[in-house]
């Protein structure tokens, strides 16, 4: 599974995260609700991160 953070695809404090064949745009300041939303968009189970 590939993981990549691309700051050139975002504006300001945003970056694109690619995980496998999925991607999403994230902000620099992460809250618990934003993290849950990112995991859902990337189809990652929260418990899978350890």
Protein backbone atom coordinates (compact mmCIF):
# COMPACT_ATOMS: atom_id res chain seq x y z
CA UNK A 1 0.00 0.00 0.00
CA UNK A 2 1.48 3.36 -1.00
CA UNK A 3 1.24 6.54 1.07
CA UNK A 4 2.16 9.99 -0.21
CA UNK A 5 1.76 13.56 1.03
CA UNK A 6 1.86 16.18 -1.73
CA UNK A 7 2.04 19.79 -0.56
CA UNK A 8 2.16 21.14 -4.13
CA UNK A 9 -1.46 20.07 -4.75
CA UNK A 10 -2.88 22.11 -1.85
CA UNK A 11 -3.16 25.81 -1.13
CA UNK A 12 -1.77 27.43 2.01
CA UNK A 13 -1.94 24.99 4.89
CA UNK A 14 -3.56 22.22 2.79
CA UNK A 15 -1.97 19.10 1.30
CA UNK A 16 -3.17 16.12 -0.71
CA UNK A 17 -2.75 12.72 0.89
CA UNK A 18 -2.78 9.60 -1.28
CA UNK A 19 -3.27 6.20 0.32
CA UNK A 20 -3.40 3.39 -2.20
CA UNK A 21 -5.85 4.42 -4.91
CA UNK A 22 -7.68 6.97 -2.73
CA UNK A 23 -6.81 10.59 -2.01
CA UNK A 24 -8.10 13.53 0.00
CA UNK A 25 -7.14 17.11 0.82
CA UNK A 26 -6.23 17.79 4.45
CA UNK A 27 -5.55 20.90 6.52
CA UNK A 28 -2.45 21.44 8.60
CA UNK A 29 -4.37 21.75 11.89
CA UNK A 30 -6.11 18.44 12.56
CA UNK A 31 -8.93 17.96 15.03
CA UNK A 32 -10.30 14.55 16.06
CA UNK A 33 -13.36 15.04 13.84
CA UNK A 34 -11.19 15.95 10.83
CA UNK A 35 -9.03 12.89 11.40
CA UNK A 36 -12.13 10.66 11.47
CA UNK A 37 -13.34 12.25 8.21
CA UNK A 38 -9.93 11.74 6.56
CA UNK A 39 -9.84 8.09 7.61
CA UNK A 40 -13.34 7.57 6.24
CA UNK A 41 -12.44 9.22 2.92
CA UNK A 42 -9.33 7.03 2.63
CA UNK A 43 -11.29 3.91 3.68
CA UNK A 44 -9.05 3.24 6.70
CA UNK A 45 -10.44 1.69 9.88
CA UNK A 46 -9.36 3.83 12.89
CA UNK A 47 -8.20 0.74 14.82
CA UNK A 48 -5.93 -0.29 11.94
CA UNK A 49 -3.46 2.46 12.80
CA UNK A 50 -2.38 0.84 16.04
